[in-house]
Amino acid sequence: MSMKISNGVSLGNIWSIVITLMALAVLWGTNQSKLAYVEEELEELSIGKADKNVVEVQLEAISSDIAEIKEMVKELK
């Protein structure tokens, strides 16, 4: 026993449309929060890359210092 509204649209059809719209709204909200999370992670990665570049420069400087010290030690022998 279903209630019919004009033109053969039943109350069940209306509920189906409402529930579908609610599900789409929840899905959209979930995707927005996931996008915000991904953006935050990408920002952290870009900061991490900057730190990595600083470490690489410092490592190169230390490596050149070690090479110079090795040459000094060879000269002392």
C-alpha atoms as a PDB file:
ATOM      1  CA  MET A   1       0.000   0.000   0.000  1.00  0.00           C
ATOM      2  CA  SER A   2       1.830   3.092  -1.206  1.00  0.00           C
ATOM      3  CA  MET A   3       0.625   6.630  -1.180  1.00  0.00           C
ATOM      4  CA  LYS A   4       0.371   8.150  -4.635  1.00  0.00           C
ATOM      5  CA  ILE A   5       0.856  11.827  -5.265  1.00  0.00           C
ATOM      6  CA  SER A   6      -0.259  13.427  -8.526  1.00  0.00           C
ATOM      7  CA  ASN A   7       1.092  11.947 -11.768  1.00  0.00           C
ATOM      8  CA  GLY A   8       1.979   8.591 -10.241  1.00  0.00           C
ATOM      9  CA  VAL A   9       4.852   9.777  -8.032  1.00  0.00           C
ATOM     10  CA  SER A  10       4.871   7.728  -4.861  1.00  0.00           C
ATOM     11  CA  LEU A  11       6.070   8.683  -1.413  1.00  0.00           C
ATOM     12  CA  GLY A  12       8.753   5.988  -1.793  1.00  0.00           C
ATOM     13  CA  ASN A  13      10.135   7.756  -4.848  1.00  0.00           C
ATOM     14  CA  ILE A  14      10.371  11.021  -2.926  1.00  0.00           C
ATOM     15  CA  TRP A  15      12.143   9.277  -0.032  1.00  0.00           C
ATOM     16  CA  SER A  16      14.579   7.701  -2.491  1.00  0.00           C
ATOM     17  CA  ILE A  17      15.411  11.091  -3.974  1.00  0.00           C
ATOM     18  CA  VAL A  18      15.819  12.695  -0.533  1.00  0.00           C
ATOM     19  CA  ILE A  19      18.071   9.883   0.713  1.00  0.00           C
ATOM     20  CA  THR A  20      20.133  10.026  -2.484  1.00  0.00           C
ATOM     21  CA  LEU A  21      20.606  13.789  -2.092  1.00  0.00           C
ATOM     22  CA  MET A  22      21.629  13.326   1.544  1.00  0.00           C
ATOM     23  CA  ALA A  23      24.136  10.647   0.554  1.00  0.00           C
ATOM     24  CA  LEU A  24      25.581  12.946  -2.107  1.00  0.00           C
ATOM     25  CA  ALA A  25      25.909  15.748   0.457  1.00  0.00           C
ATOM     26  CA  VAL A  26      27.748  13.437   2.858  1.00  0.00           C
ATOM     27  CA  LEU A  27      30.006  12.216   0.044  1.00  0.00           C
ATOM     28  CA  TRP A  28      30.807  15.792  -1.003  1.00  0.00           C
ATOM     29  CA  GLY A  29      31.640  16.752   2.601  1.00  0.00           C
ATOM     30  CA  THR A  30      33.861  13.709   3.013  1.00  0.00           C
ATOM     31  CA  ASN A  31      35.739  14.504  -0.180  1.00  0.00           C
ATOM     32  CA  GLN A  32      36.259  18.101   0.957  1.00  0.00           C
ATOM     33  CA  SER A  33      37.834  16.948   4.219  1.00  0.00           C
ATOM     34  CA  LYS A  34      40.034  14.465   2.345  1.00  0.00           C
ATOM     35  CA  LEU A  35      41.189  17.216  -0.013  1.00  0.00           C
ATOM     36  CA  ALA A  36      42.037  19.453   2.944  1.00  0.00           C
ATOM     37  CA  TYR A  37      44.043  16.604   4.489  1.00  0.00           C
ATOM     38  CA  VAL A  38      45.944  15.992   1.243  1.00  0.00           C
ATOM     39  CA  GLU A  39      46.722  19.717   0.921  1.00  0.00           C
ATOM     40  CA  GLU A  40      48.136  19.741   4.468  1.00  0.00           C
ATOM     41  CA  GLU A  41      50.273  16.685   3.717  1.00  0.00           C
ATOM     42  CA  LEU A  42      51.606  18.281   0.527  1.00  0.00           C
ATOM     43  CA  GLU A  43      52.523  21.430   2.450  1.00  0.00           C
ATOM     44  CA  GLU A  44      54.393  19.338   5.007  1.00  0.00           C
ATOM     45  CA  LEU A  45      56.208  17.515   2.210  1.00  0.00           C
ATOM     46  CA  SER A  46      57.277  20.765   0.576  1.00  0.00           C
ATOM     47  CA  ILE A  47      58.617  21.964   3.936  1.00  0.00           C
ATOM     48  CA  GLY A  48      60.393  18.624   4.293  1.00  0.00           C
ATOM     49  CA  LYS A  49      61.980  19.080   0.877  1.00  0.00           C
ATOM     50  CA  ALA A  50      63.296  22.498   1.880  1.00  0.00           C
ATOM     51  CA  ASP A  51      64.830  20.972   5.002  1.00  0.00           C
ATOM     52  CA  LYS A  52      66.315  18.181   2.880  1.00  0.00           C
ATOM     53  CA  ASN A  53      67.960  20.744   0.601  1.00  0.00           C
ATOM     54  CA  VAL A  54      69.523  22.478   3.605  1.00  0.00           C
ATOM     55  CA  VAL A  55      70.842  19.155   4.887  1.00  0.00           C
ATOM     56  CA  GLU A  56      72.276  18.321   1.457  1.00  0.00           C
ATOM     57  CA  VAL A  57      74.125  21.655   1.298  1.00  0.00           C
ATOM     58  CA  GLN A  58      75.511  21.126   4.789  1.00  0.00           C
ATOM     59  CA  LEU A  59      76.539  17.572   3.882  1.00  0.00           C
ATOM     60  CA  GLU A  60      78.412  18.836   0.831  1.00  0.00           C
ATOM     61  CA  ALA A  61      80.224  21.420   2.978  1.00  0.00           C
ATOM     62  CA  ILE A  62      81.162  18.780   5.548  1.00  0.00           C
ATOM     63  CA  SER A  63      82.345  16.432   2.787  1.00  0.00           C
ATOM     64  CA  SER A  64      84.606  19.119   1.334  1.00  0.00           C
ATOM     65  CA  ASP A  65      85.996  19.855   4.818  1.00  0.00           C
ATOM     66  CA  ILE A  66      86.745  16.153   5.297  1.00  0.00           C
ATOM     67  CA  ALA A  67      88.490  16.047   1.926  1.00  0.00           C
ATOM     68  CA  GLU A  68      90.655  19.013   2.943  1.00  0.00           C
ATOM     69  CA  ILE A  69      91.520  17.356   6.262  1.00  0.00           C
ATOM     70  CA  LYS A  70      92.488  14.169   4.430  1.00  0.00           C
ATOM     71  CA  GLU A  71      94.846  16.158   2.218  1.00  0.00           C
ATOM     72  CA  MET A  72      96.418  17.807   5.286  1.00  0.00           C
ATOM     73  CA  VAL A  73      96.939  14.423   6.925  1.00  0.00           C
ATOM     74  CA  LYS A  74      98.571  13.071   3.755  1.00  0.00           C
ATOM     75  CA  GLU A  75     100.939  16.033   3.697  1.00  0.00           C
ATOM     76  CA  LEU A  76     101.934  15.420   7.324  1.00  0.00           C
ATOM     77  CA  LYS A  77     102.914  11.814   6.635  1.00  0.00           C
END
